[in-house]
Amino acid sequence: MSETRHLRLLPWNGPEGKPALLATDGAESWVNRLADKVEAEQIETATVLRDLALSMVVDHVDPPASELLFIARRLCESVTDLLKIAESRAARIPAYDHPDDQPSTE
């Protein structure tokens, strides 16, 4: 049996709205593949929303307040998703040795 090396923050919440974590040894699993797929869909959704919001601003369209509120809410949701993806991926990046952390050889 493999030793668990880390916890992966999943792109969805668990029971009671708490963060969902996957204990993993880094091996591919169906949960990892599902999480990767959900993250890709969240990134695509954010891209579409960004493009829509940009077209509202760049084209100087005067959209109704209800449309602006809708897009603002969706953008906030997407930013939240993207921050969770960034946090999850950052936690999976192995630490590196900084040259200043090396002992002196003098």
N, C-alpha and C. Protein backbone atom coordinates (compact mmCIF):
# COMPACT_ATOMS: atom_id res chain seq x y z
N MET A 1 0.83 -1.18 0.00
CA MET A 1 0.00 0.00 0.00
C MET A 1 0.88 1.25 0.00
N SER A 2 0.52 2.23 -0.84
CA SER A 2 1.29 3.46 -0.96
C SER A 2 1.06 4.37 0.24
N GLU A 3 2.10 5.10 0.56
CA GLU A 3 1.99 6.07 1.65
C GLU A 3 1.37 7.35 1.11
N THR A 4 0.42 7.93 1.85
CA THR A 4 -0.20 9.18 1.45
C THR A 4 0.82 10.30 1.60
N ARG A 5 0.98 11.09 0.53
CA ARG A 5 1.96 12.16 0.55
C ARG A 5 1.33 13.52 0.80
N HIS A 6 0.09 13.72 0.32
CA HIS A 6 -0.52 15.03 0.50
C HIS A 6 -2.03 14.96 0.32
N LEU A 7 -2.65 16.09 0.61
CA LEU A 7 -4.09 16.23 0.40
C LEU A 7 -4.29 17.15 -0.78
N ARG A 8 -5.21 16.77 -1.66
CA ARG A 8 -5.56 17.63 -2.80
C ARG A 8 -6.87 18.33 -2.49
N LEU A 9 -6.86 19.65 -2.63
CA LEU A 9 -8.08 20.44 -2.50
C LEU A 9 -8.88 20.25 -3.78
N LEU A 10 -10.09 19.73 -3.65
CA LEU A 10 -10.93 19.47 -4.82
C LEU A 10 -11.73 20.71 -5.19
N PRO A 11 -12.14 20.82 -6.46
CA PRO A 11 -12.82 22.03 -6.91
C PRO A 11 -14.31 22.07 -6.59
N TRP A 12 -14.72 21.37 -5.58
CA TRP A 12 -16.10 21.42 -5.11
C TRP A 12 -16.08 21.31 -3.60
N ASN A 13 -17.16 21.68 -2.98
CA ASN A 13 -17.25 21.62 -1.53
C ASN A 13 -17.81 20.27 -1.10
N GLY A 14 -17.47 19.89 0.11
CA GLY A 14 -17.98 18.67 0.69
C GLY A 14 -19.24 18.96 1.48
N PRO A 15 -19.61 18.03 2.34
CA PRO A 15 -20.80 18.23 3.17
C PRO A 15 -20.70 19.51 3.99
N GLU A 16 -21.82 20.14 4.16
CA GLU A 16 -21.93 21.37 4.95
C GLU A 16 -21.12 22.53 4.37
N GLY A 17 -20.78 22.46 3.08
CA GLY A 17 -20.07 23.54 2.43
C GLY A 17 -18.59 23.64 2.77
N LYS A 18 -18.07 22.64 3.45
CA LYS A 18 -16.65 22.65 3.81
C LYS A 18 -15.80 22.20 2.63
N PRO A 19 -14.52 22.63 2.59
CA PRO A 19 -13.65 22.20 1.49
C PRO A 19 -13.56 20.68 1.41
N ALA A 20 -13.56 20.17 0.18
CA ALA A 20 -13.42 18.74 -0.05
C ALA A 20 -11.96 18.44 -0.34
N LEU A 21 -11.41 17.47 0.34
CA LEU A 21 -10.01 17.10 0.19
C LEU A 21 -9.90 15.64 -0.20
N LEU A 22 -8.89 15.33 -1.01
CA LEU A 22 -8.60 13.96 -1.42
C LEU A 22 -7.22 13.59 -0.91
N ALA A 23 -7.14 12.56 -0.08
CA ALA A 23 -5.85 12.05 0.35
C ALA A 23 -5.29 11.24 -0.80
N THR A 24 -4.09 11.63 -1.27
CA THR A 24 -3.53 10.98 -2.45
C THR A 24 -2.03 10.76 -2.31
N ASP A 25 -1.57 9.74 -3.01
CA ASP A 25 -0.14 9.49 -3.06
C ASP A 25 0.44 9.99 -4.38
N GLY A 26 -0.38 10.73 -5.13
CA GLY A 26 0.06 11.27 -6.41
C GLY A 26 -0.28 10.39 -7.59
N ALA A 27 -0.79 9.19 -7.35
CA ALA A 27 -1.16 8.30 -8.44
C ALA A 27 -2.47 8.78 -9.07
N GLU A 28 -2.63 8.48 -10.36
CA GLU A 28 -3.85 8.87 -11.06
C GLU A 28 -5.01 8.03 -10.52
N SER A 29 -6.15 8.69 -10.35
CA SER A 29 -7.36 8.01 -9.92
C SER A 29 -8.54 8.65 -10.61
N TRP A 30 -9.69 8.01 -10.54
CA TRP A 30 -10.87 8.59 -11.20
C TRP A 30 -11.29 9.89 -10.53
N VAL A 31 -11.06 10.02 -9.21
CA VAL A 31 -11.40 11.28 -8.53
C VAL A 31 -10.47 12.40 -9.00
N ASN A 32 -9.18 12.10 -9.16
CA ASN A 32 -8.25 13.10 -9.68
C ASN A 32 -8.64 13.52 -11.09
N ARG A 33 -8.98 12.54 -11.94
CA ARG A 33 -9.38 12.86 -13.31
C ARG A 33 -10.65 13.70 -13.32
N LEU A 34 -11.62 13.36 -12.46
CA LEU A 34 -12.85 14.14 -12.37
C LEU A 34 -12.55 15.56 -11.92
N ALA A 35 -11.69 15.70 -10.92
CA ALA A 35 -11.33 17.03 -10.42
C ALA A 35 -10.64 17.84 -11.52
N ASP A 36 -9.76 17.21 -12.29
CA ASP A 36 -9.09 17.89 -13.41
C ASP A 36 -10.12 18.36 -14.43
N LYS A 37 -11.11 17.52 -14.72
CA LYS A 37 -12.15 17.86 -15.69
C LYS A 37 -13.00 19.03 -15.18
N VAL A 38 -13.38 19.00 -13.91
CA VAL A 38 -14.18 20.08 -13.33
C VAL A 38 -13.38 21.38 -13.36
N GLU A 39 -12.10 21.33 -13.01
CA GLU A 39 -11.25 22.53 -13.05
C GLU A 39 -11.19 23.09 -14.47
N ALA A 40 -11.03 22.24 -15.46
CA ALA A 40 -10.97 22.69 -16.85
C ALA A 40 -12.28 23.38 -17.25
N GLU A 41 -13.40 22.82 -16.82
CA GLU A 41 -14.70 23.42 -17.12
C GLU A 41 -14.87 24.77 -16.41
N GLN A 42 -14.37 24.87 -15.19
CA GLN A 42 -14.46 26.13 -14.45
C GLN A 42 -13.60 27.20 -15.12
N ILE A 43 -12.43 26.83 -15.60
CA ILE A 43 -11.56 27.78 -16.30
C ILE A 43 -12.22 28.23 -17.60
N GLU A 44 -12.82 27.31 -18.33
CA GLU A 44 -13.52 27.66 -19.57
C GLU A 44 -14.69 28.59 -19.29
N THR A 45 -15.45 28.32 -18.25
CA THR A 45 -16.57 29.18 -17.87
C THR A 45 -16.07 30.59 -17.56
N ALA A 46 -14.98 30.69 -16.82
CA ALA A 46 -14.42 32.00 -16.48
C ALA A 46 -13.99 32.74 -17.74
N THR A 47 -13.43 32.03 -18.70
CA THR A 47 -13.00 32.65 -19.95
C THR A 47 -14.20 33.21 -20.72
N VAL A 48 -15.27 32.43 -20.79
CA VAL A 48 -16.48 32.89 -21.48
C VAL A 48 -17.07 34.11 -20.78
N LEU A 49 -17.14 34.07 -19.46
CA LEU A 49 -17.68 35.21 -18.71
C LEU A 49 -16.82 36.45 -18.89
N ARG A 50 -15.51 36.28 -18.85
CA ARG A 50 -14.61 37.41 -19.06
C ARG A 50 -14.83 38.03 -20.43
N ASP A 51 -14.95 37.18 -21.45
CA ASP A 51 -15.17 37.69 -22.80
C ASP A 51 -16.49 38.44 -22.90
N LEU A 52 -17.52 37.91 -22.27
CA LEU A 52 -18.82 38.58 -22.28
C LEU A 52 -18.75 39.93 -21.57
N ALA A 53 -18.12 39.96 -20.41
CA ALA A 53 -17.98 41.21 -19.66
C ALA A 53 -17.15 42.23 -20.44
N LEU A 54 -16.08 41.77 -21.08
CA LEU A 54 -15.25 42.68 -21.88
C LEU A 54 -16.04 43.27 -23.04
N SER A 55 -16.86 42.45 -23.68
CA SER A 55 -17.65 42.97 -24.79
C SER A 55 -18.63 44.03 -24.30
N MET A 56 -19.15 43.87 -23.09
CA MET A 56 -20.06 44.88 -22.53
C MET A 56 -19.32 46.20 -22.31
N VAL A 57 -18.08 46.11 -21.87
CA VAL A 57 -17.30 47.31 -21.55
C VAL A 57 -16.68 47.93 -22.80
N VAL A 58 -16.05 47.11 -23.63
CA VAL A 58 -15.34 47.60 -24.81
C VAL A 58 -16.30 48.17 -25.84
N ASP A 59 -17.43 47.51 -26.04
CA ASP A 59 -18.39 47.97 -27.05
C ASP A 59 -19.20 49.16 -26.56
N HIS A 60 -18.95 49.58 -25.34
CA HIS A 60 -19.65 50.72 -24.74
C HIS A 60 -21.16 50.56 -24.82
N VAL A 61 -21.59 49.34 -24.73
CA VAL A 61 -23.02 49.07 -24.71
C VAL A 61 -23.56 49.57 -23.38
N ASP A 62 -24.77 50.02 -23.37
CA ASP A 62 -25.39 50.47 -22.13
C ASP A 62 -26.35 49.40 -21.65
N PRO A 63 -25.80 48.32 -21.07
CA PRO A 63 -26.67 47.22 -20.66
C PRO A 63 -27.51 47.60 -19.45
N PRO A 64 -28.65 46.97 -19.31
CA PRO A 64 -29.48 47.23 -18.14
C PRO A 64 -28.75 46.82 -16.85
N ALA A 65 -29.12 47.45 -15.77
CA ALA A 65 -28.49 47.16 -14.48
C ALA A 65 -28.63 45.68 -14.13
N SER A 66 -29.74 45.06 -14.50
CA SER A 66 -29.95 43.65 -14.18
C SER A 66 -28.92 42.77 -14.88
N GLU A 67 -28.53 43.13 -16.13
CA GLU A 67 -27.51 42.37 -16.84
C GLU A 67 -26.13 42.57 -16.20
N LEU A 68 -25.84 43.80 -15.81
CA LEU A 68 -24.56 44.06 -15.14
C LEU A 68 -24.46 43.32 -13.82
N LEU A 69 -25.56 43.31 -13.07
CA LEU A 69 -25.57 42.58 -11.80
C LEU A 69 -25.38 41.10 -12.04
N PHE A 70 -26.04 40.56 -13.05
CA PHE A 70 -25.91 39.14 -13.38
C PHE A 70 -24.46 38.79 -13.70
N ILE A 71 -23.83 39.57 -14.61
CA ILE A 71 -22.47 39.26 -15.00
C ILE A 71 -21.50 39.46 -13.84
N ALA A 72 -21.75 40.46 -13.00
CA ALA A 72 -20.88 40.68 -11.83
C ALA A 72 -20.94 39.50 -10.87
N ARG A 73 -22.14 38.98 -10.64
CA ARG A 73 -22.28 37.82 -9.76
C ARG A 73 -21.59 36.60 -10.34
N ARG A 74 -21.76 36.36 -11.64
CA ARG A 74 -21.11 35.20 -12.27
C ARG A 74 -19.59 35.35 -12.25
N LEU A 75 -19.09 36.56 -12.48
CA LEU A 75 -17.65 36.79 -12.42
C LEU A 75 -17.11 36.52 -11.01
N CYS A 76 -17.85 36.94 -9.99
CA CYS A 76 -17.43 36.67 -8.60
C CYS A 76 -17.38 35.18 -8.33
N GLU A 77 -18.38 34.44 -8.82
CA GLU A 77 -18.37 32.98 -8.66
C GLU A 77 -17.17 32.36 -9.36
N SER A 78 -16.89 32.84 -10.58
CA SER A 78 -15.76 32.30 -11.33
C SER A 78 -14.43 32.62 -10.68
N VAL A 79 -14.29 33.83 -10.15
CA VAL A 79 -13.05 34.19 -9.45
C VAL A 79 -12.86 33.27 -8.24
N THR A 80 -13.94 33.01 -7.52
CA THR A 80 -13.86 32.10 -6.37
C THR A 80 -13.39 30.72 -6.81
N ASP A 81 -13.95 30.21 -7.90
CA ASP A 81 -13.53 28.90 -8.43
C ASP A 81 -12.06 28.93 -8.83
N LEU A 82 -11.64 29.98 -9.53
CA LEU A 82 -10.26 30.08 -9.98
C LEU A 82 -9.27 30.19 -8.82
N LEU A 83 -9.66 30.89 -7.77
CA LEU A 83 -8.79 30.98 -6.59
C LEU A 83 -8.63 29.62 -5.93
N LYS A 84 -9.70 28.83 -5.90
CA LYS A 84 -9.62 27.49 -5.33
C LYS A 84 -8.71 26.61 -6.18
N ILE A 85 -8.82 26.74 -7.51
CA ILE A 85 -7.95 25.98 -8.41
C ILE A 85 -6.49 26.38 -8.18
N ALA A 86 -6.24 27.67 -8.09
CA ALA A 86 -4.87 28.15 -7.86
C ALA A 86 -4.31 27.63 -6.53
N GLU A 87 -5.13 27.67 -5.49
CA GLU A 87 -4.70 27.17 -4.18
C GLU A 87 -4.37 25.67 -4.26
N SER A 88 -5.24 24.92 -4.92
CA SER A 88 -5.03 23.49 -5.04
C SER A 88 -3.75 23.17 -5.81
N ARG A 89 -3.56 23.86 -6.92
CA ARG A 89 -2.37 23.60 -7.74
C ARG A 89 -1.09 24.06 -7.06
N ALA A 90 -1.16 25.17 -6.36
CA ALA A 90 0.02 25.66 -5.65
C ALA A 90 0.45 24.67 -4.57
N ALA A 91 -0.53 24.05 -3.93
CA ALA A 91 -0.21 23.08 -2.87
C ALA A 91 0.44 21.83 -3.44
N ARG A 92 0.25 21.57 -4.73
CA ARG A 92 0.82 20.36 -5.35
C ARG A 92 2.18 20.61 -5.98
N ILE A 93 2.62 21.88 -6.01
CA ILE A 93 3.93 22.18 -6.57
C ILE A 93 4.98 21.86 -5.51
N PRO A 94 5.94 21.02 -5.85
CA PRO A 94 6.96 20.69 -4.84
C PRO A 94 7.78 21.92 -4.46
N ALA A 95 8.16 21.97 -3.21
CA ALA A 95 8.99 23.07 -2.72
C ALA A 95 10.36 22.98 -3.39
N TYR A 96 10.99 24.11 -3.59
CA TYR A 96 12.33 24.11 -4.16
C TYR A 96 13.28 24.77 -3.17
N ASP A 97 14.53 24.41 -3.30
CA ASP A 97 15.55 25.00 -2.46
C ASP A 97 15.95 26.35 -3.03
N HIS A 98 15.90 27.35 -2.19
CA HIS A 98 16.32 28.69 -2.60
C HIS A 98 17.81 28.79 -2.33
N PRO A 99 18.57 29.39 -3.25
CA PRO A 99 20.03 29.48 -3.06
C PRO A 99 20.43 30.09 -1.72
N ASP A 100 19.63 31.01 -1.19
CA ASP A 100 19.96 31.65 0.08
C ASP A 100 19.79 30.68 1.26
N ASP A 101 19.07 29.57 1.04
CA ASP A 101 18.84 28.60 2.11
C ASP A 101 19.96 27.59 2.22
N GLN A 102 20.90 27.59 1.28
CA GLN A 102 21.99 26.61 1.27
C GLN A 102 23.06 26.98 2.29
N PRO A 103 23.59 26.00 2.97
CA PRO A 103 24.66 26.29 3.93
C PRO A 103 25.90 26.81 3.19
N SER A 104 26.63 27.66 3.86
CA SER A 104 27.84 28.22 3.29
C SER A 104 28.91 27.15 3.17
N THR A 105 29.66 27.14 2.08
CA THR A 105 30.72 26.15 1.88
C THR A 105 32.09 26.76 2.14
N GLU A 106 32.10 27.92 2.75
CA GLU A 106 33.38 28.58 3.04
C GLU A 106 34.03 27.99 4.25
